[in-house]
Amino acid sequence: MTRTVELESFALLSVAAVAGIVIAFYGNHGPKMRATFNLPVVAPLTSPSPTAAPTPTPTTFSQISPNGLKRITMTVTEHSKTSVSYAFSVSNGDGSDAQPLYSINLPVGEYMSIPFNAFSPDNKYLFLEHTTKDATEAFAFRTDGTSLGDTSQYDNIKDIFTAKQTGYTYQTTTGWASETLLIVNTTKADGSKGPSYWVELPSKAVIQLSTEF
């Protein structure tokens, strides 16, 4: 009886020992969990593309002659914060057959403009206004672009009047009295209103009027 118990105990110990070896073997060699990390993908560095300079956007103004047969067009383009260009063209009243007349680049603070009554009654002449920080002057042109009797492209009405030394100061050109006569208003030395004058084209004659305009 004692021997039987010893045999059974030995058998149980043997089974337990084998089971322990198997468990240990699989515990050490079984698959293990591995921690994984995803690194962010870094985009390659690229040089920024150069930004194109903005193209100046022109602004257009026009004035038609009283009989509707001619049109003067002014195109204004601001090239920078310090200068602006003005380009003028003359066309038929409907805008056809446009021909360049005059262009100029002015500093900011000066500007060109088209007066309401720019055209002479027969459409052969027109005048434009140039305004500076201190005064206004008028440029007279032939509408066909030819010079006014000399090599100059236009006549400066203010300069013509001032050269006559009338004793009055040029103030402004108001419009046309006839096909060739421009009306000029003046001021006296004390700043009060002076007499009006005609300036005749193309002779450049200056004629004082008895009536103020």
Protein backbone atom coordinates (compact mmCIF):
# COMPACT_ATOMS: atom_id res chain seq x y z
CA MET A 1 0.00 0.00 0.00
CA THR A 2 2.78 2.44 0.87
CA ARG A 3 4.58 1.66 -2.37
CA THR A 4 1.43 2.43 -4.38
CA VAL A 5 1.14 5.86 -2.78
CA GLU A 6 4.79 6.58 -3.53
CA LEU A 7 4.32 5.62 -7.17
CA GLU A 8 1.27 7.88 -7.52
CA SER A 9 3.12 10.78 -5.86
CA PHE A 10 6.07 10.33 -8.18
CA ALA A 11 3.76 10.28 -11.19
CA LEU A 12 2.04 13.50 -10.13
CA LEU A 13 5.37 15.24 -9.57
CA SER A 14 6.55 14.14 -12.98
CA VAL A 15 3.41 15.47 -14.66
CA ALA A 16 3.69 18.77 -12.76
CA ALA A 17 7.34 19.11 -13.72
CA VAL A 18 6.62 18.51 -17.42
CA ALA A 19 3.72 20.96 -17.32
CA GLY A 20 5.95 23.60 -15.71
CA ILE A 21 8.62 23.14 -18.39
CA VAL A 22 6.04 23.46 -21.19
CA ILE A 23 4.51 26.59 -19.69
CA ALA A 24 7.92 28.19 -19.16
CA PHE A 25 9.01 27.35 -22.71
CA TYR A 26 5.94 28.91 -24.36
CA GLY A 27 5.95 31.87 -21.98
CA ASN A 28 9.49 32.85 -23.01
CA HIS A 29 9.19 32.16 -26.75
CA GLY A 30 5.63 33.21 -27.50
CA PRO A 31 4.89 36.35 -29.58
CA LYS A 32 5.31 39.59 -27.71
CA MET A 33 3.43 42.87 -28.26
CA ARG A 34 5.64 45.60 -29.72
CA ALA A 35 4.96 49.31 -29.35
CA THR A 36 4.96 51.13 -32.69
CA PHE A 37 5.19 54.88 -33.38
CA ASN A 38 4.29 56.68 -36.62
CA LEU A 39 6.60 59.64 -37.28
CA PRO A 40 5.08 62.59 -39.16
CA VAL A 41 6.14 62.94 -42.78
CA VAL A 42 8.04 66.20 -43.27
CA ALA A 43 7.46 67.84 -46.64
CA PRO A 44 10.62 68.90 -48.46
CA LEU A 45 11.46 72.57 -48.18
CA THR A 46 10.63 74.60 -51.30
CA SER A 47 11.43 78.18 -52.21
CA PRO A 48 8.35 80.43 -52.35
CA SER A 49 7.29 81.46 -55.87
CA PRO A 50 7.88 85.16 -56.59
CA THR A 51 4.71 87.26 -56.57
CA ALA A 52 4.08 89.13 -59.80
CA ALA A 53 3.75 92.90 -59.47
CA PRO A 54 0.15 94.04 -59.96
CA THR A 55 -0.62 95.58 -63.35
CA PRO A 56 -1.87 99.17 -63.07
CA THR A 57 -5.54 99.48 -63.97
CA PRO A 58 -6.25 102.51 -66.18
CA THR A 59 -9.32 104.71 -65.72
CA THR A 60 -10.97 106.33 -68.73
CA PHE A 61 -12.90 109.61 -69.03
CA SER A 62 -14.32 111.23 -72.15
CA GLN A 63 -16.14 114.36 -73.33
CA ILE A 64 -18.08 114.74 -76.56
CA SER A 65 -18.22 117.93 -78.62
CA PRO A 66 -21.45 120.02 -78.60
CA ASN A 67 -22.46 118.80 -82.07
CA GLY A 68 -21.63 115.17 -81.20
CA LEU A 69 -19.11 114.73 -84.01
CA LYS A 70 -15.90 114.54 -81.96
CA ARG A 71 -14.84 112.97 -78.68
CA ILE A 72 -11.80 113.53 -76.45
CA THR A 73 -10.80 110.57 -74.25
CA MET A 74 -8.41 110.66 -71.29
CA THR A 75 -6.83 107.48 -69.93
CA VAL A 76 -5.35 107.79 -66.43
CA THR A 77 -2.89 105.19 -65.13
CA GLU A 78 -1.39 105.30 -61.63
CA HIS A 79 2.05 103.70 -61.94
CA SER A 80 3.14 104.27 -58.35
CA LYS A 81 2.30 106.32 -55.29
CA THR A 82 4.35 109.18 -56.68
CA SER A 83 3.37 109.51 -60.36
CA VAL A 84 0.38 109.22 -62.69
CA SER A 85 0.32 109.13 -66.49
CA TYR A 86 -2.33 110.77 -68.70
CA ALA A 87 -2.93 109.83 -72.34
CA PHE A 88 -5.38 111.68 -74.60
CA SER A 89 -6.90 110.64 -77.91
CA VAL A 90 -9.40 112.24 -80.29
CA SER A 91 -12.00 110.17 -82.12
CA ASN A 92 -15.31 110.48 -83.89
CA GLY A 93 -18.31 110.95 -81.63
CA ASP A 94 -19.03 107.21 -81.63
CA GLY A 95 -15.45 106.42 -80.59
CA SER A 96 -14.26 105.24 -84.01
CA ASP A 97 -11.03 106.32 -85.73
CA ALA A 98 -9.26 107.26 -82.45
CA GLN A 99 -5.96 109.11 -82.87
CA PRO A 100 -3.44 109.83 -80.07
CA LEU A 101 -3.19 113.52 -79.19
CA TYR A 102 -1.02 114.01 -76.10
CA SER A 103 0.49 112.16 -73.15
CA ILE A 104 2.25 113.26 -69.99
CA ASN A 105 3.49 111.78 -66.70
CA LEU A 106 2.81 113.95 -63.64
CA PRO A 107 3.75 113.72 -59.97
CA VAL A 108 0.97 113.04 -57.49
CA GLY A 109 -0.60 116.39 -56.58
CA GLU A 110 -0.79 117.54 -60.21
CA TYR A 111 -3.42 116.35 -62.67
CA MET A 112 -4.94 116.82 -66.10
CA SER A 113 -8.66 117.18 -66.79
CA ILE A 114 -11.11 117.65 -69.64
CA PRO A 115 -13.27 120.78 -69.27
CA PHE A 116 -16.96 120.51 -70.10
CA ASN A 117 -16.61 122.88 -73.09
CA ALA A 118 -13.30 121.51 -74.35
CA PHE A 119 -14.09 121.70 -78.09
CA SER A 120 -14.29 124.84 -80.20
CA PRO A 121 -17.64 125.23 -82.05
CA ASP A 122 -16.15 123.90 -85.32
CA ASN A 123 -14.25 121.04 -83.59
CA LYS A 124 -10.92 122.23 -85.01
CA TYR A 125 -9.48 123.10 -81.59
CA LEU A 126 -9.81 121.88 -78.03
CA PHE A 127 -8.24 122.74 -74.71
CA LEU A 128 -7.30 120.70 -71.65
CA GLU A 129 -6.64 121.84 -68.09
CA HIS A 130 -3.46 121.18 -66.13
CA THR A 131 -3.76 121.76 -62.39
CA THR A 132 -0.73 122.09 -60.13
CA LYS A 133 -0.58 122.62 -56.37
CA ASP A 134 -0.63 126.37 -56.91
CA ALA A 135 -2.60 127.18 -60.08
CA THR A 136 -4.42 125.99 -63.18
CA GLU A 137 -3.35 126.44 -66.79
CA ALA A 138 -4.88 125.56 -70.16
CA PHE A 139 -3.28 123.69 -73.07
CA ALA A 140 -4.84 124.37 -76.51
CA PHE A 141 -4.50 121.81 -79.33
CA ARG A 142 -5.60 121.27 -82.89
CA THR A 143 -7.89 118.24 -82.85
CA ASP A 144 -6.02 116.74 -85.82
CA GLY A 145 -2.80 116.70 -83.76
CA THR A 146 -0.83 119.16 -85.93
CA SER A 147 1.18 121.92 -84.28
CA LEU A 148 -0.20 125.40 -83.67
CA GLY A 149 1.93 127.41 -86.10
CA ASP A 150 5.33 126.40 -84.67
CA THR A 151 7.08 123.31 -83.39
CA SER A 152 5.01 123.16 -80.20
CA GLN A 153 2.37 120.45 -79.93
CA TYR A 154 0.11 122.80 -77.98
CA ASP A 155 -0.19 126.41 -76.83
CA ASN A 156 -0.08 127.16 -73.12
CA ILE A 157 -2.77 129.85 -72.76
CA LYS A 158 -1.46 130.96 -69.38
CA ASP A 159 2.03 131.48 -70.79
CA ILE A 160 0.67 133.41 -73.79
CA PHE A 161 -1.32 135.74 -71.55
CA THR A 162 1.50 136.26 -69.02
CA ALA A 163 3.96 137.15 -71.80
CA LYS A 164 1.74 140.11 -72.80
CA GLN A 165 2.34 141.77 -69.39
CA THR A 166 -1.16 143.20 -69.07
CA GLY A 167 -0.75 144.04 -65.39
CA TYR A 168 -3.23 141.31 -64.43
CA THR A 169 -2.68 137.72 -63.37
CA TYR A 170 -4.03 134.79 -65.34
CA GLN A 171 -6.69 132.93 -63.36
CA THR A 172 -8.46 130.45 -65.64
CA THR A 173 -9.67 129.68 -69.14
CA THR A 174 -13.46 129.36 -69.14
CA GLY A 175 -14.28 128.27 -72.69
CA TRP A 176 -14.80 129.38 -76.29
CA ALA A 177 -16.23 132.70 -77.51
CA SER A 178 -15.94 131.61 -81.17
CA GLU A 179 -14.14 129.03 -83.32
CA THR A 180 -10.73 130.58 -82.47
CA LEU A 181 -11.24 132.69 -79.32
CA LEU A 182 -10.69 131.37 -75.82
CA ILE A 183 -12.00 133.37 -72.84
CA VAL A 184 -9.51 134.08 -70.03
CA ASN A 185 -10.40 135.46 -66.59
CA THR A 186 -7.83 137.37 -64.53
CA THR A 187 -7.20 138.74 -61.04
CA LYS A 188 -5.79 142.06 -59.90
CA ALA A 189 -2.68 142.49 -57.74
CA ASP A 190 -4.87 142.62 -54.61
CA GLY A 191 -6.51 139.31 -55.50
CA SER A 192 -9.85 140.80 -56.60
CA LYS A 193 -11.46 139.98 -59.94
CA GLY A 194 -9.79 141.53 -62.98
CA PRO A 195 -11.06 141.99 -66.55
CA SER A 196 -11.65 139.15 -69.00
CA TYR A 197 -9.65 138.65 -72.20
CA TRP A 198 -9.77 136.78 -75.46
CA VAL A 199 -6.78 134.76 -76.56
CA GLU A 200 -6.95 134.12 -80.31
CA LEU A 201 -5.63 130.97 -81.99
CA PRO A 202 -3.37 130.50 -83.76
CA SER A 203 -2.14 134.12 -83.77
CA LYS A 204 -1.83 134.26 -79.94
CA ALA A 205 -3.35 137.75 -79.88
CA VAL A 206 -4.61 138.89 -76.44
CA ILE A 207 -7.65 141.20 -76.46
CA GLN A 208 -9.14 142.83 -73.36
CA LEU A 209 -12.95 142.76 -73.05
CA SER A 210 -15.26 145.34 -71.61
CA THR A 211 -17.45 142.61 -70.11
CA GLU A 212 -16.32 140.23 -67.38
CA PHE A 213 -17.10 136.53 -67.81
